[in-house]
Amino acid sequence: MSVINPMKIVLIEDDVSACKDFKDYAGTRTDIVLTGVTGNSYEGFEIVKNKLPDAVVLDLELNMGAGSGYDFLEEFFKTEFDVRPIIVVTTRNRNFNVHTHLHAKYNLCWIFYKQQPGYGPDMVVRHLLRFREFYHLQSSDIEITTVETPEELKDRVASRIKAELNTFGISSKLKGRTYLEEAIFMLTNKKRNEPEQVFKDIAIRQKNKYDNVIRAIQTAINDAWNNTDDIEKLLMNYTAPIRKERGTPSPTEFIHYYADKIRRDIF
């Protein structure tokens, strides 16, 4: 099975708590990334038009925001897109006739009733990832460019690094975790592969010795590797070869692997 980039999702939702839940959940995964969050349907449309995400999670009412899900859908389906994102609607309206009308008029993939048992970001994301197969069938031959500010890109890369390290099992309590986040980010943005210089730059910035930085990073890697409850799952996340004499990835190997992976997925 070929590797595909993380699914880009725009969330149009006016409930602050629901937005936080979705952001927190997205931060635990490496197969999705939030490229925009707003409680304004008009702003949401502009984000979708500029960033061309794979999917939109749309709150129908937007009672505390501006506009409504209906406003977004009307504008969305008047506009030409090379590839239309998957649209799923979330709502507290359980009226069957309303749902039938929405499905028929706007060809929605799914409507989630917010008060149904088990509703949450995980339920929405599971369905979106299932729909994604059809999205790729219609978009596989189309080259898409997106508009993104440097700051937004920086935040997206940083969030992806955190998600990858969480998935690997690197403890946030270890100093090496901080160094790893910084090292991977720096290497991801370098045109040439210079891991040794990255470690030296971190040592200078952190006012620490080079050897101490390397040791802290190796400790963080070893801690996750040796204390995992599921080595097979770990090896599915880190697929680079491991030299037998070492037993675990070296700091250089580790940051190379994740910097390369993130470059392929995000840029």
C-alpha atoms as a PDB file:
ATOM      1  CA  MET A   1       0.000   0.000   0.000  1.00  0.00           C
ATOM      2  CA  SER A   2       1.424   3.391  -0.975  1.00  0.00           C
ATOM      3  CA  VAL A   3       2.034   6.098   1.625  1.00  0.00           C
ATOM      4  CA  ILE A   4      -0.197   9.168   1.261  1.00  0.00           C
ATOM      5  CA  ASN A   5       0.084  12.571   2.870  1.00  0.00           C
ATOM      6  CA  PRO A   6      -1.878  13.403   6.011  1.00  0.00           C
ATOM      7  CA  MET A   7      -5.492  14.293   5.297  1.00  0.00           C
ATOM      8  CA  LYS A   8      -5.897  18.091   5.382  1.00  0.00           C
ATOM      9  CA  ILE A   9      -9.059  19.151   7.238  1.00  0.00           C
ATOM     10  CA  VAL A  10     -10.739  22.531   7.718  1.00  0.00           C
ATOM     11  CA  LEU A  11     -13.030  22.804  10.757  1.00  0.00           C
ATOM     12  CA  ILE A  12     -15.894  25.336  10.649  1.00  0.00           C
ATOM     13  CA  GLU A  13     -17.279  25.276  14.186  1.00  0.00           C
ATOM     14  CA  ASP A  14     -18.301  28.015  16.640  1.00  0.00           C
ATOM     15  CA  ASP A  15     -18.207  25.935  19.829  1.00  0.00           C
ATOM     16  CA  VAL A  16     -14.861  26.746  21.502  1.00  0.00           C
ATOM     17  CA  SER A  17     -14.863  23.505  23.478  1.00  0.00           C
ATOM     18  CA  ALA A  18     -15.579  21.422  20.374  1.00  0.00           C
ATOM     19  CA  CYS A  19     -12.750  23.192  18.503  1.00  0.00           C
ATOM     20  CA  LYS A  20     -10.327  22.450  21.339  1.00  0.00           C
ATOM     21  CA  ASP A  21     -11.377  18.796  21.410  1.00  0.00           C
ATOM     22  CA  PHE A  22     -10.808  18.495  17.655  1.00  0.00           C
ATOM     23  CA  LYS A  23      -7.420  20.259  17.817  1.00  0.00           C
ATOM     24  CA  ASP A  24      -6.297  18.088  20.724  1.00  0.00           C
ATOM     25  CA  TYR A  25      -7.369  14.925  18.936  1.00  0.00           C
ATOM     26  CA  ALA A  26      -5.701  15.969  15.680  1.00  0.00           C
ATOM     27  CA  GLY A  27      -2.494  16.455  17.664  1.00  0.00           C
ATOM     28  CA  THR A  28      -2.488  12.770  18.604  1.00  0.00           C
ATOM     29  CA  ARG A  29      -2.573  11.560  14.981  1.00  0.00           C
ATOM     30  CA  THR A  30      -0.139  11.601  12.088  1.00  0.00           C
ATOM     31  CA  ASP A  31      -2.646  10.836   9.308  1.00  0.00           C
ATOM     32  CA  ILE A  32      -4.613  14.107   9.598  1.00  0.00           C
ATOM     33  CA  VAL A  33      -3.709  17.793   9.937  1.00  0.00           C
ATOM     34  CA  LEU A  34      -5.916  20.801  10.649  1.00  0.00           C
ATOM     35  CA  THR A  35      -5.224  23.506   8.076  1.00  0.00           C
ATOM     36  CA  GLY A  36      -7.850  25.953   9.317  1.00  0.00           C
ATOM     37  CA  VAL A  37     -10.343  26.475  12.155  1.00  0.00           C
ATOM     38  CA  THR A  38     -13.023  29.171  12.226  1.00  0.00           C
ATOM     39  CA  GLY A  39     -16.524  29.834  13.547  1.00  0.00           C
ATOM     40  CA  ASN A  40     -17.354  32.060  10.568  1.00  0.00           C
ATOM     41  CA  SER A  41     -18.905  30.426   7.495  1.00  0.00           C
ATOM     42  CA  TYR A  42     -17.701  33.185   5.155  1.00  0.00           C
ATOM     43  CA  GLU A  43     -14.151  33.025   6.463  1.00  0.00           C
ATOM     44  CA  GLY A  44     -14.380  29.253   6.286  1.00  0.00           C
ATOM     45  CA  PHE A  45     -15.232  29.405   2.614  1.00  0.00           C
ATOM     46  CA  GLU A  46     -12.182  31.597   1.924  1.00  0.00           C
ATOM     47  CA  ILE A  47      -9.944  29.166   3.824  1.00  0.00           C
ATOM     48  CA  VAL A  48     -11.300  26.247   1.816  1.00  0.00           C
ATOM     49  CA  LYS A  49     -10.926  28.131  -1.467  1.00  0.00           C
ATOM     50  CA  ASN A  50      -7.320  29.115  -0.688  1.00  0.00           C
ATOM     51  CA  LYS A  51      -6.044  25.955   0.978  1.00  0.00           C
ATOM     52  CA  LEU A  52      -8.006  23.286  -0.920  1.00  0.00           C
ATOM     53  CA  PRO A  53      -8.209  20.783   1.955  1.00  0.00           C
ATOM     54  CA  ASP A  54      -9.167  17.153   1.566  1.00  0.00           C
ATOM     55  CA  ALA A  55     -12.185  17.579   3.845  1.00  0.00           C
ATOM     56  CA  VAL A  56     -14.383  20.117   5.622  1.00  0.00           C
ATOM     57  CA  VAL A  57     -16.117  19.467   8.950  1.00  0.00           C
ATOM     58  CA  LEU A  58     -19.024  21.931   8.952  1.00  0.00           C
ATOM     59  CA  ASP A  59     -21.244  22.884  11.881  1.00  0.00           C
ATOM     60  CA  LEU A  60     -24.712  23.507  10.452  1.00  0.00           C
ATOM     61  CA  GLU A  61     -25.973  26.112  12.912  1.00  0.00           C
ATOM     62  CA  LEU A  62     -22.977  28.320  13.870  1.00  0.00           C
ATOM     63  CA  ASN A  63     -25.232  30.018  16.429  1.00  0.00           C
ATOM     64  CA  MET A  64     -22.327  31.790  18.139  1.00  0.00           C
ATOM     65  CA  GLY A  65     -20.386  32.488  14.947  1.00  0.00           C
ATOM     66  CA  ALA A  66     -21.098  34.312  11.705  1.00  0.00           C
ATOM     67  CA  GLY A  67     -23.230  32.944   8.910  1.00  0.00           C
ATOM     68  CA  SER A  68     -24.361  29.333   8.936  1.00  0.00           C
ATOM     69  CA  GLY A  69     -23.562  25.970   7.446  1.00  0.00           C
ATOM     70  CA  TYR A  70     -26.269  26.651   4.850  1.00  0.00           C
ATOM     71  CA  ASP A  71     -24.477  29.847   3.812  1.00  0.00           C
ATOM     72  CA  PHE A  72     -21.243  27.926   3.360  1.00  0.00           C
ATOM     73  CA  LEU A  73     -22.880  25.153   1.342  1.00  0.00           C
ATOM     74  CA  GLU A  74     -24.683  27.597  -0.954  1.00  0.00           C
ATOM     75  CA  GLU A  75     -21.436  29.406  -1.751  1.00  0.00           C
ATOM     76  CA  PHE A  76     -19.416  26.199  -1.958  1.00  0.00           C
ATOM     77  CA  PHE A  77     -21.659  24.580  -4.550  1.00  0.00           C
ATOM     78  CA  LYS A  78     -21.780  27.721  -6.694  1.00  0.00           C
ATOM     79  CA  THR A  79     -17.992  27.681  -6.995  1.00  0.00           C
ATOM     80  CA  GLU A  80     -15.882  25.666  -9.408  1.00  0.00           C
ATOM     81  CA  PHE A  81     -13.184  23.487  -7.816  1.00  0.00           C
ATOM     82  CA  ASP A  82     -10.779  21.159  -9.630  1.00  0.00           C
ATOM     83  CA  VAL A  83     -11.496  18.697  -6.842  1.00  0.00           C
ATOM     84  CA  ARG A  84     -14.216  19.209  -4.264  1.00  0.00           C
ATOM     85  CA  PRO A  85     -13.268  18.469  -0.660  1.00  0.00           C
ATOM     86  CA  ILE A  86     -15.286  15.909   1.255  1.00  0.00           C
ATOM     87  CA  ILE A  87     -17.992  17.723   3.230  1.00  0.00           C
ATOM     88  CA  VAL A  88     -19.408  16.323   6.452  1.00  0.00           C
ATOM     89  CA  VAL A  89     -21.934  18.248   8.535  1.00  0.00           C
ATOM     90  CA  THR A  90     -22.286  18.247  12.305  1.00  0.00           C
ATOM     91  CA  THR A  91     -25.533  19.421  13.876  1.00  0.00           C
ATOM     92  CA  ARG A  92     -27.784  19.361  16.936  1.00  0.00           C
ATOM     93  CA  ASN A  93     -30.813  19.286  14.641  1.00  0.00           C
ATOM     94  CA  ARG A  94     -32.145  15.740  14.539  1.00  0.00           C
ATOM     95  CA  ASN A  95     -35.001  16.455  12.111  1.00  0.00           C
ATOM     96  CA  PHE A  96     -35.002  13.670   9.523  1.00  0.00           C
ATOM     97  CA  ASN A  97     -36.516  15.891   6.814  1.00  0.00           C
ATOM     98  CA  VAL A  98     -33.723  18.440   7.244  1.00  0.00           C
ATOM     99  CA  HIS A  99     -31.097  15.706   6.945  1.00  0.00           C
ATOM    100  CA  THR A 100     -32.757  14.261   3.842  1.00  0.00           C
ATOM    101  CA  HIS A 101     -32.903  17.706   2.245  1.00  0.00           C
ATOM    102  CA  LEU A 102     -29.218  18.362   2.965  1.00  0.00           C
ATOM    103  CA  HIS A 103     -28.127  15.027   1.537  1.00  0.00           C
ATOM    104  CA  ALA A 104     -30.207  15.458  -1.596  1.00  0.00           C
ATOM    105  CA  LYS A 105     -29.398  19.099  -2.346  1.00  0.00           C
ATOM    106  CA  TYR A 106     -25.711  19.178  -1.407  1.00  0.00           C
ATOM    107  CA  ASN A 107     -24.632  15.566  -1.937  1.00  0.00           C
ATOM    108  CA  LEU A 108     -23.121  15.397   1.558  1.00  0.00           C
ATOM    109  CA  CYS A 109     -20.974  12.464   2.587  1.00  0.00           C
ATOM    110  CA  TRP A 110     -22.313  12.324   6.142  1.00  0.00           C
ATOM    111  CA  ILE A 111     -24.342  14.184   8.753  1.00  0.00           C
ATOM    112  CA  PHE A 112     -23.333  13.683  12.382  1.00  0.00           C
ATOM    113  CA  TYR A 113     -25.865  14.317  15.122  1.00  0.00           C
ATOM    114  CA  LYS A 114     -23.818  15.822  17.932  1.00  0.00           C
ATOM    115  CA  GLN A 115     -25.812  14.200  20.707  1.00  0.00           C
ATOM    116  CA  GLN A 116     -25.670  10.661  19.362  1.00  0.00           C
ATOM    117  CA  PRO A 117     -23.818   8.115  21.532  1.00  0.00           C
ATOM    118  CA  GLY A 118     -20.091   8.081  20.857  1.00  0.00           C
ATOM    119  CA  TYR A 119     -20.016  11.347  18.925  1.00  0.00           C
ATOM    120  CA  GLY A 120     -16.667  13.119  18.985  1.00  0.00           C
ATOM    121  CA  PRO A 121     -13.638  14.016  16.863  1.00  0.00           C
ATOM    122  CA  ASP A 122     -12.538  10.379  16.671  1.00  0.00           C
ATOM    123  CA  MET A 123     -15.862   9.323  15.131  1.00  0.00           C
ATOM    124  CA  VAL A 124     -15.721  12.129  12.549  1.00  0.00           C
ATOM    125  CA  VAL A 125     -12.097  11.426  11.629  1.00  0.00           C
ATOM    126  CA  ARG A 126     -12.685   7.680  11.253  1.00  0.00           C
ATOM    127  CA  HIS A 127     -15.418   8.365   8.701  1.00  0.00           C
ATOM    128  CA  LEU A 128     -13.360  10.965   6.858  1.00  0.00           C
ATOM    129  CA  LEU A 129     -10.458   8.563   6.445  1.00  0.00           C
ATOM    130  CA  ARG A 130     -12.835   5.975   5.002  1.00  0.00           C
ATOM    131  CA  PHE A 131     -14.178   8.518   2.508  1.00  0.00           C
ATOM    132  CA  ARG A 132     -10.671   9.543   1.526  1.00  0.00           C
ATOM    133  CA  GLU A 133     -10.250   6.585  -0.834  1.00  0.00           C
ATOM    134  CA  PHE A 134     -12.877   8.106  -3.120  1.00  0.00           C
ATOM    135  CA  TYR A 135     -11.290  11.545  -2.862  1.00  0.00           C
ATOM    136  CA  HIS A 136      -8.011  10.139  -4.183  1.00  0.00           C
ATOM    137  CA  LEU A 137      -9.791   8.377  -7.021  1.00  0.00           C
ATOM    138  CA  GLN A 138     -11.009  11.735  -8.311  1.00  0.00           C
ATOM    139  CA  SER A 139      -7.827  13.706  -7.572  1.00  0.00           C
ATOM    140  CA  SER A 140      -4.923  11.385  -8.320  1.00  0.00           C
ATOM    141  CA  ASP A 141      -3.991  13.091 -11.599  1.00  0.00           C
ATOM    142  CA  ILE A 142      -4.524  16.693 -10.489  1.00  0.00           C
ATOM    143  CA  GLU A 143      -1.740  18.880  -9.141  1.00  0.00           C
ATOM    144  CA  ILE A 144      -2.983  21.154  -6.394  1.00  0.00           C
ATOM    145  CA  THR A 145      -1.253  24.163  -4.861  1.00  0.00           C
ATOM    146  CA  THR A 146      -2.343  25.805  -1.637  1.00  0.00           C
ATOM    147  CA  VAL A 147      -1.938  29.241  -0.080  1.00  0.00           C
ATOM    148  CA  GLU A 148      -0.332  29.178   3.379  1.00  0.00           C
ATOM    149  CA  THR A 149       1.541  31.803   5.357  1.00  0.00           C
ATOM    150  CA  PRO A 150       5.049  30.985   6.660  1.00  0.00           C
ATOM    151  CA  GLU A 151       3.743  31.112  10.230  1.00  0.00           C
ATOM    152  CA  GLU A 152       0.928  28.677   9.442  1.00  0.00           C
ATOM    153  CA  LEU A 153       3.395  26.317   7.790  1.00  0.00           C
ATOM    154  CA  LYS A 154       5.721  26.552  10.791  1.00  0.00           C
ATOM    155  CA  ASP A 155       2.854  25.693  13.160  1.00  0.00           C
ATOM    156  CA  ARG A 156       1.754  22.806  10.957  1.00  0.00           C
ATOM    157  CA  VAL A 157       5.265  21.314  10.812  1.00  0.00           C
ATOM    158  CA  ALA A 158       5.733  21.730  14.575  1.00  0.00           C
ATOM    159  CA  SER A 159       2.388  20.045  15.285  1.00  0.00           C
ATOM    160  CA  ARG A 160       3.269  17.173  12.976  1.00  0.00           C
ATOM    161  CA  ILE A 161       6.617  16.665  14.724  1.00  0.00           C
ATOM    162  CA  LYS A 162       4.907  16.535  18.119  1.00  0.00           C
ATOM    163  CA  ALA A 163       2.372  14.011  16.798  1.00  0.00           C
ATOM    164  CA  GLU A 164       5.130  11.792  15.351  1.00  0.00           C
ATOM    165  CA  LEU A 165       7.112  11.820  18.597  1.00  0.00           C
ATOM    166  CA  ASN A 166       3.951  11.090  20.601  1.00  0.00           C
ATOM    167  CA  THR A 167       3.207   8.142  18.332  1.00  0.00           C
ATOM    168  CA  PHE A 168       6.770   6.850  18.727  1.00  0.00           C
ATOM    169  CA  GLY A 169       6.411   7.172  22.499  1.00  0.00           C
ATOM    170  CA  ILE A 170       8.995   9.850  23.303  1.00  0.00           C
ATOM    171  CA  SER A 171       8.173  11.164  26.776  1.00  0.00           C
ATOM    172  CA  SER A 172       7.498  14.893  27.010  1.00  0.00           C
ATOM    173  CA  LYS A 173       9.139  14.840  30.457  1.00  0.00           C
ATOM    174  CA  LEU A 174      12.596  14.132  29.042  1.00  0.00           C
ATOM    175  CA  LYS A 175      14.945  16.929  28.010  1.00  0.00           C
ATOM    176  CA  GLY A 176      15.857  14.957  24.906  1.00  0.00           C
ATOM    177  CA  ARG A 177      12.274  15.361  23.691  1.00  0.00           C
ATOM    178  CA  THR A 178      12.724  19.150  23.494  1.00  0.00           C
ATOM    179  CA  TYR A 179      16.003  18.720  21.629  1.00  0.00           C
ATOM    180  CA  LEU A 180      14.413  16.243  19.215  1.00  0.00           C
ATOM    181  CA  GLU A 181      11.536  18.578  18.358  1.00  0.00           C
ATOM    182  CA  GLU A 182      13.989  21.381  17.672  1.00  0.00           C
ATOM    183  CA  ALA A 183      16.434  19.188  15.721  1.00  0.00           C
ATOM    184  CA  ILE A 184      13.794  17.654  13.449  1.00  0.00           C
ATOM    185  CA  PHE A 185      12.258  21.051  12.778  1.00  0.00           C
ATOM    186  CA  MET A 186      15.628  22.557  11.884  1.00  0.00           C
ATOM    187  CA  LEU A 187      16.620  19.640   9.655  1.00  0.00           C
ATOM    188  CA  THR A 188      13.226  19.631   7.936  1.00  0.00           C
ATOM    189  CA  ASN A 189      13.818  23.213   6.819  1.00  0.00           C
ATOM    190  CA  LYS A 190      17.418  22.774   5.672  1.00  0.00           C
ATOM    191  CA  LYS A 191      18.157  22.302   1.987  1.00  0.00           C
ATOM    192  CA  ARG A 192      21.105  20.055   2.797  1.00  0.00           C
ATOM    193  CA  ASN A 193      21.245  17.263   5.348  1.00  0.00           C
ATOM    194  CA  GLU A 194      23.414  18.612   8.181  1.00  0.00           C
ATOM    195  CA  PRO A 195      22.446  16.749  11.362  1.00  0.00           C
ATOM    196  CA  GLU A 196      25.759  17.312  13.124  1.00  0.00           C
ATOM    197  CA  GLN A 197      25.511  21.058  12.593  1.00  0.00           C
ATOM    198  CA  VAL A 198      21.923  20.958  13.839  1.00  0.00           C
ATOM    199  CA  PHE A 199      23.040  19.350  17.103  1.00  0.00           C
ATOM    200  CA  LYS A 200      25.833  21.926  17.472  1.00  0.00           C
ATOM    201  CA  ASP A 201      23.393  24.778  16.887  1.00  0.00           C
ATOM    202  CA  ILE A 202      21.029  23.381  19.527  1.00  0.00           C
ATOM    203  CA  ALA A 203      23.895  23.037  22.021  1.00  0.00           C
ATOM    204  CA  ILE A 204      24.828  26.686  21.487  1.00  0.00           C
ATOM    205  CA  ARG A 205      21.235  27.894  21.731  1.00  0.00           C
ATOM    206  CA  GLN A 206      20.532  25.802  24.832  1.00  0.00           C
ATOM    207  CA  LYS A 207      23.873  26.791  26.397  1.00  0.00           C
ATOM    208  CA  ASN A 208      24.766  23.149  26.774  1.00  0.00           C
ATOM    209  CA  LYS A 209      27.559  20.886  25.584  1.00  0.00           C
ATOM    210  CA  TYR A 210      27.244  19.039  22.276  1.00  0.00           C
ATOM    211  CA  ASP A 211      27.839  15.666  23.980  1.00  0.00           C
ATOM    212  CA  ASN A 212      25.108  16.401  26.537  1.00  0.00           C
ATOM    213  CA  VAL A 213      22.608  17.165  23.769  1.00  0.00           C
ATOM    214  CA  ILE A 214      23.434  13.917  21.955  1.00  0.00           C
ATOM    215  CA  ARG A 215      23.237  11.946  25.204  1.00  0.00           C
ATOM    216  CA  ALA A 216      19.862  13.425  26.156  1.00  0.00           C
ATOM    217  CA  ILE A 217      18.415  12.653  22.714  1.00  0.00           C
ATOM    218  CA  GLN A 218      19.722   9.079  22.777  1.00  0.00           C
ATOM    219  CA  THR A 219      18.262   8.614  26.265  1.00  0.00           C
ATOM    220  CA  ALA A 220      14.837   9.767  25.042  1.00  0.00           C
ATOM    221  CA  ILE A 221      14.964   7.395  22.054  1.00  0.00           C
ATOM    222  CA  ASN A 222      16.133   4.450  24.181  1.00  0.00           C
ATOM    223  CA  ASP A 223      13.462   5.147  26.805  1.00  0.00           C
ATOM    224  CA  ALA A 224      10.670   4.915  24.226  1.00  0.00           C
ATOM    225  CA  TRP A 225      12.242   1.927  22.461  1.00  0.00           C
ATOM    226  CA  ASN A 226      12.914  -0.140  25.579  1.00  0.00           C
ATOM    227  CA  ASN A 227       9.703   0.665  27.439  1.00  0.00           C
ATOM    228  CA  THR A 228       7.145   0.207  24.673  1.00  0.00           C
ATOM    229  CA  ASP A 229       4.342  -2.297  25.262  1.00  0.00           C
ATOM    230  CA  ASP A 230       4.090  -3.005  21.536  1.00  0.00           C
ATOM    231  CA  ILE A 231       7.398  -3.146  19.665  1.00  0.00           C
ATOM    232  CA  GLU A 232       5.604  -4.193  16.463  1.00  0.00           C
ATOM    233  CA  LYS A 233       3.534  -1.009  16.503  1.00  0.00           C
ATOM    234  CA  LEU A 234       6.673   1.040  17.135  1.00  0.00           C
ATOM    235  CA  LEU A 235       8.405  -0.609  14.175  1.00  0.00           C
ATOM    236  CA  MET A 236       5.420   0.229  11.977  1.00  0.00           C
ATOM    237  CA  ASN A 237       5.943   3.899  12.838  1.00  0.00           C
ATOM    238  CA  TYR A 238       9.735   3.830  12.498  1.00  0.00           C
ATOM    239  CA  THR A 239      10.504   1.762   9.412  1.00  0.00           C
ATOM    240  CA  ALA A 240      14.174   2.630   8.828  1.00  0.00           C
ATOM    241  CA  PRO A 241      16.748  -0.184   9.273  1.00  0.00           C
ATOM    242  CA  ILE A 242      18.325  -0.514  12.727  1.00  0.00           C
ATOM    243  CA  ARG A 243      21.940  -1.589  13.025  1.00  0.00           C
ATOM    244  CA  LYS A 244      22.192  -4.700  15.188  1.00  0.00           C
ATOM    245  CA  GLU A 245      25.164  -3.454  17.190  1.00  0.00           C
ATOM    246  CA  ARG A 246      23.176  -0.408  18.324  1.00  0.00           C
ATOM    247  CA  GLY A 247      19.756  -1.944  18.918  1.00  0.00           C
ATOM    248  CA  THR A 248      18.023   1.448  18.658  1.00  0.00           C
ATOM    249  CA  PRO A 249      18.244   4.370  16.207  1.00  0.00           C
ATOM    250  CA  SER A 250      21.057   6.855  16.752  1.00  0.00           C
ATOM    251  CA  PRO A 251      20.159  10.562  17.154  1.00  0.00           C
ATOM    252  CA  THR A 252      21.389  11.258  13.620  1.00  0.00           C
ATOM    253  CA  GLU A 253      19.411   8.362  12.121  1.00  0.00           C
ATOM    254  CA  PHE A 254      16.321   9.321  14.078  1.00  0.00           C
ATOM    255  CA  ILE A 255      16.133  12.978  13.069  1.00  0.00           C
ATOM    256  CA  HIS A 256      17.035  12.118   9.464  1.00  0.00           C
ATOM    257  CA  TYR A 257      14.155   9.635   9.301  1.00  0.00           C
ATOM    258  CA  TYR A 258      11.517  12.015  10.657  1.00  0.00           C
ATOM    259  CA  ALA A 259      12.763  15.091   8.800  1.00  0.00           C
ATOM    260  CA  ASP A 260      12.622  13.153   5.507  1.00  0.00           C
ATOM    261  CA  LYS A 261       9.199  11.735   6.347  1.00  0.00           C
ATOM    262  CA  ILE A 262       7.749  15.133   7.198  1.00  0.00           C
ATOM    263  CA  ARG A 263       9.228  16.730   4.084  1.00  0.00           C
ATOM    264  CA  ARG A 264       7.502  14.084   1.937  1.00  0.00           C
ATOM    265  CA  ASP A 265       4.198  14.474   3.730  1.00  0.00           C
ATOM    266  CA  ILE A 266       3.923  18.222   4.182  1.00  0.00           C
ATOM    267  CA  PHE A 267       5.905  20.052   1.509  1.00  0.00           C
END
